[in-house]
Protein backbone atom coordinates (compact mmCIF):
# COMPACT_ATOMS: atom_id res chain seq x y z
CA ASP A 1 -39.09 87.37 72.54
CA LYS A 2 -38.66 91.15 72.95
CA PRO A 3 -35.75 93.32 71.83
CA ILE A 4 -33.08 94.30 74.33
CA THR A 5 -33.22 98.07 74.84
CA MET A 6 -30.78 98.66 77.70
CA ILE A 7 -27.57 97.09 78.98
CA ILE A 8 -25.99 98.04 82.30
CA ASN A 9 -22.22 97.62 82.50
CA THR A 10 -21.35 97.08 86.17
CA HIS A 11 -17.67 97.98 85.60
CA THR A 12 -14.99 98.31 82.96
CA HIS A 13 -13.58 94.79 82.60
CA PHE A 14 -13.93 93.07 79.26
CA ASP A 15 -15.83 90.08 80.64
CA HIS A 16 -18.54 92.57 81.68
CA THR A 17 -18.43 94.93 78.69
CA GLY A 18 -16.97 92.96 75.78
CA SER A 19 -20.35 92.00 74.35
CA ASN A 20 -21.53 95.59 73.93
CA THR A 21 -20.41 95.56 70.32
CA GLU A 22 -22.55 92.50 69.59
CA PHE A 23 -25.78 94.43 70.11
CA PRO A 24 -27.55 96.93 67.84
CA ALA A 25 -26.55 100.56 68.13
CA THR A 26 -30.11 101.25 69.28
CA VAL A 27 -29.35 99.66 72.67
CA GLU A 28 -28.77 102.16 75.48
CA PHE A 29 -25.64 101.40 77.49
CA VAL A 30 -25.57 102.61 81.08
CA ALA A 31 -22.66 102.70 83.54
CA HIS A 32 -21.01 104.73 86.26
CA GLU A 33 -19.18 107.79 84.96
CA ASN A 34 -15.79 106.36 85.96
CA THR A 35 -16.51 103.13 84.10
CA ARG A 36 -17.20 105.06 80.94
CA ALA A 37 -13.94 106.98 81.39
CA ASN A 38 -12.02 103.75 81.97
CA LEU A 39 -13.51 102.17 78.86
CA ALA A 40 -12.77 105.24 76.76
CA ARG A 41 -9.10 105.29 77.69
CA ALA A 42 -8.94 101.46 77.57
CA THR A 43 -5.77 100.64 79.47
CA CYS A 44 -4.45 97.28 78.37
CA GLN A 45 -5.02 95.02 81.35
CA PRO A 46 -5.50 91.23 81.35
CA VAL A 47 -9.28 91.52 81.31
CA THR A 48 -9.45 94.63 79.15
CA ASN A 49 -9.51 94.74 75.37
CA CYS A 50 -7.56 97.89 74.54
CA ASP A 51 -9.23 98.35 71.16
CA ALA A 52 -12.80 97.37 72.08
CA PHE A 53 -14.21 100.90 72.07
CA LYS A 54 -11.89 102.66 69.66
CA GLY A 55 -12.83 104.16 66.31
CA ASP A 56 -16.29 103.18 65.09
CA ASN A 57 -16.81 101.11 68.22
CA ALA A 58 -16.87 104.23 70.37
CA LYS A 59 -20.61 104.26 69.76
CA TYR A 60 -20.87 101.26 72.10
CA LEU A 61 -19.52 103.24 75.05
CA PRO A 62 -22.11 103.94 77.74
CA LYS A 63 -23.88 107.18 76.85
CA ARG A 64 -25.92 107.38 80.03
CA THR A 65 -23.86 107.67 83.18
CA PHE A 66 -24.40 108.50 86.83
CA LYS A 67 -22.35 109.66 89.83
CA ASP A 68 -23.99 108.28 92.99
CA LYS A 69 -27.44 106.91 92.08
CA LEU A 70 -29.61 106.50 89.02
CA THR A 71 -33.13 105.10 88.69
CA VAL A 72 -34.33 103.73 85.38
CA GLY A 73 -37.81 102.43 84.68
CA SER A 74 -40.74 102.63 87.07
CA GLY A 75 -43.20 100.47 88.94
CA ASN A 76 -42.37 96.79 88.82
CA GLU A 77 -39.72 97.53 86.19
CA ARG A 78 -37.83 100.05 88.32
CA ILE A 79 -34.07 99.51 88.59
CA ASP A 80 -31.82 101.46 90.99
CA LEU A 81 -28.13 101.82 90.24
CA PHE A 82 -25.82 102.70 93.13
CA TYR A 83 -22.19 103.74 93.38
CA PHE A 84 -20.76 103.49 96.89
CA GLY A 85 -17.07 104.12 96.25
CA ALA A 86 -13.90 102.45 95.01
CA GLY A 87 -13.29 98.76 95.49
CA HIS A 88 -12.77 96.31 92.63
CA THR A 89 -12.43 99.37 90.35
CA ASN A 90 -13.41 103.03 90.78
CA GLY A 91 -16.68 102.55 88.91
CA ASP A 92 -18.42 99.51 90.39
CA ALA A 93 -22.18 99.79 90.07
CA MET A 94 -24.59 97.75 92.16
CA VAL A 95 -27.89 97.08 90.43
CA TYR A 96 -31.01 96.73 92.56
CA PHE A 97 -34.37 95.38 91.40
CA PRO A 98 -36.80 96.47 94.18
CA ALA A 99 -39.84 94.54 92.92
CA LEU A 100 -37.80 91.34 92.85
CA ARG A 101 -35.77 92.09 96.00
CA VAL A 102 -32.64 91.19 94.02
CA LEU A 103 -29.24 92.93 94.14
CA GLN A 104 -26.63 92.37 91.44
CA THR A 105 -23.20 93.28 92.85
CA GLY A 106 -20.98 93.05 89.79
CA ASP A 107 -17.44 92.14 90.83
CA LEU A 108 -17.51 94.30 93.94
CA PHE A 109 -18.67 90.99 95.42
CA ALA A 110 -17.58 88.42 92.87
CA ARG A 111 -17.18 85.31 95.02
CA LYS A 112 -16.24 84.18 98.51
CA ASP A 113 -12.56 84.90 98.18
CA ALA A 114 -10.18 87.82 98.51
CA PRO A 115 -11.22 90.58 96.13
CA ARG A 116 -9.42 91.38 92.93
CA ILE A 117 -8.28 94.98 93.26
CA ASP A 118 -7.63 96.58 89.88
CA ARG A 119 -5.52 99.59 90.84
CA ALA A 120 -4.97 100.50 87.17
CA ASN A 121 -8.69 101.19 86.95
CA GLY A 122 -9.00 102.93 90.30
CA GLY A 123 -9.56 99.93 92.56
CA SER A 124 -8.73 100.33 96.24
CA GLY A 125 -8.23 97.76 98.98
CA VAL A 126 -8.26 100.53 101.59
CA ALA A 127 -11.61 101.87 100.37
CA TYR A 128 -13.12 98.41 99.87
CA PRO A 129 -14.48 97.91 103.44
CA PRO A 130 -16.18 101.32 103.75
CA THR A 131 -17.56 100.98 100.23
CA LEU A 132 -19.24 97.70 101.15
CA SER A 133 -20.35 99.16 104.48
CA LYS A 134 -22.21 101.90 102.61
CA ALA A 135 -23.87 99.30 100.40
CA VAL A 136 -25.00 97.19 103.35
CA ALA A 137 -26.30 100.28 105.18
CA THR A 138 -28.09 101.77 102.17
CA VAL A 139 -29.80 99.01 100.21
CA LYS A 140 -32.80 97.48 101.96
CA ASN A 141 -35.21 94.60 101.38
CA VAL A 142 -32.91 92.22 99.51
CA ASP A 143 -33.54 88.48 99.45
CA ILE A 144 -31.22 87.39 96.63
CA VAL A 145 -27.69 88.61 95.86
CA VAL A 146 -26.22 87.92 92.42
CA PRO A 147 -22.40 87.97 92.68
CA GLY A 148 -20.22 88.66 89.67
CA HIS A 149 -18.82 85.13 89.35
CA ALA A 150 -20.61 82.83 91.77
CA PRO A 151 -24.00 81.18 92.33
CA LEU A 152 -26.91 83.08 93.85
CA MET A 153 -26.44 84.10 97.47
CA LYS A 154 -28.34 85.75 100.30
CA TRP A 155 -28.18 89.23 101.82
CA SER A 156 -26.35 87.75 104.81
CA ASP A 157 -23.57 86.62 102.46
CA LEU A 158 -22.92 90.20 101.37
CA GLN A 159 -22.91 91.33 104.99
CA GLU A 160 -20.40 88.58 105.77
CA TYR A 161 -18.24 89.59 102.81
CA GLN A 162 -18.05 93.13 104.15
CA ARG A 163 -16.70 91.75 107.42
CA TYR A 164 -14.27 89.51 105.54
CA VAL A 165 -12.82 92.36 103.52
CA THR A 166 -12.52 94.47 106.67
CA ASP A 167 -10.64 91.69 108.45
CA LEU A 168 -8.41 91.18 105.43
CA LEU A 169 -7.39 94.84 105.35
CA ASN A 170 -6.74 94.83 109.10
CA GLU A 171 -4.58 91.71 108.81
CA VAL A 172 -2.56 93.26 105.98
CA GLN A 173 -2.02 96.48 107.90
CA THR A 174 -0.94 94.54 111.00
CA ALA A 175 1.53 92.46 108.99
CA ARG A 176 2.94 95.55 107.35
CA ARG A 177 3.43 97.31 110.66
CA ALA A 178 5.26 94.19 111.87
CA GLY A 179 7.75 94.64 109.02
CA LYS A 180 6.61 91.77 106.82
CA ASN A 181 6.80 92.08 103.07
CA ALA A 182 3.77 91.33 100.91
CA ASP A 183 4.67 87.68 100.30
CA ALA A 184 5.26 87.02 103.99
CA ALA A 185 2.05 88.79 104.88
CA ALA A 186 0.04 86.71 102.42
CA ALA A 187 1.58 83.52 103.77
CA SER A 188 0.69 84.46 107.33
CA ILE A 189 -2.94 85.42 106.75
CA ASN A 190 -5.58 82.72 107.17
CA LEU A 191 -9.22 83.80 107.16
CA THR A 192 -10.74 80.56 105.92
CA ASP A 193 -11.03 79.14 109.44
CA LYS A 194 -13.16 82.08 110.49
CA TYR A 195 -15.04 82.38 107.20
CA LYS A 196 -16.31 78.93 106.27
CA GLY A 197 -16.75 78.26 102.57
CA TYR A 198 -14.17 80.86 101.56
CA THR A 199 -11.11 80.15 99.42
CA SER A 200 -7.76 81.93 99.29
CA GLU A 201 -7.09 81.78 95.56
CA GLY A 202 -6.96 85.55 95.22
CA LEU A 203 -5.35 86.30 98.58
CA LYS A 204 -1.77 86.84 97.42
CA LEU A 205 -2.74 89.26 94.65
CA ALA A 206 -5.06 91.15 97.00
CA VAL A 207 -2.34 91.51 99.63
CA GLN A 208 0.14 92.70 97.00
CA ALA A 209 -2.32 95.30 95.74
CA ILE A 210 -3.00 96.59 99.25
CA TYR A 211 0.72 96.76 99.99
CA GLU A 212 1.29 98.78 96.83
CA GLU A 213 -1.53 101.12 97.75
CA LEU A 214 -0.36 101.60 101.34
CA GLY A 215 3.14 102.27 100.09
CA SER A 216 1.97 104.87 97.60
CA THR A 217 -0.17 106.65 100.20
CA ARG A 218 2.37 106.18 103.01
CA THR A 219 -0.40 104.89 105.23
CA ARG A 220 0.63 103.25 108.49
């Protein structure tokens, strides 16, 4: 029953930013500085609307941005925004509500599956594990985690996901050193026995993205 005054875009993808234009121009849009840059250049990816923020719609781009951390509000209405590094994109913001002990992870932790790594918008499979490690080490007093595309979870689920992503990267690097191509590597990796409740729907795409990244950086 009160007007919306602020919207936080956790990252650039259209399913997380596409409704900006449906709100009054008086709403303040907030995002990481890289997310704003990604939205402004609007590369045409499957979950990006290339024309969403062009022309008159540029006014719906986030005007307030941050680099590492930003606090908005105060007291029980305080919200902390964190950027820990590249992962899903290069602008993934985690949104922490201290009074509620709730952490919204955006798509940096979307679901219990291999991460989607959007390299066109700065995502990195190599940086993913240390990015999540920083999050786990930095944010304290969390009871509820709100993933980008899954039901509510616990803090221990985010900790587990950090271990999962670390294991995934290690498995990919091992397969690559053994001379396997990306398809063979994906077929050989099975983490669902170790990580109960996980699926492998995004595994092949994640492995392909990591292979492309390792190839471009000549990492061994």
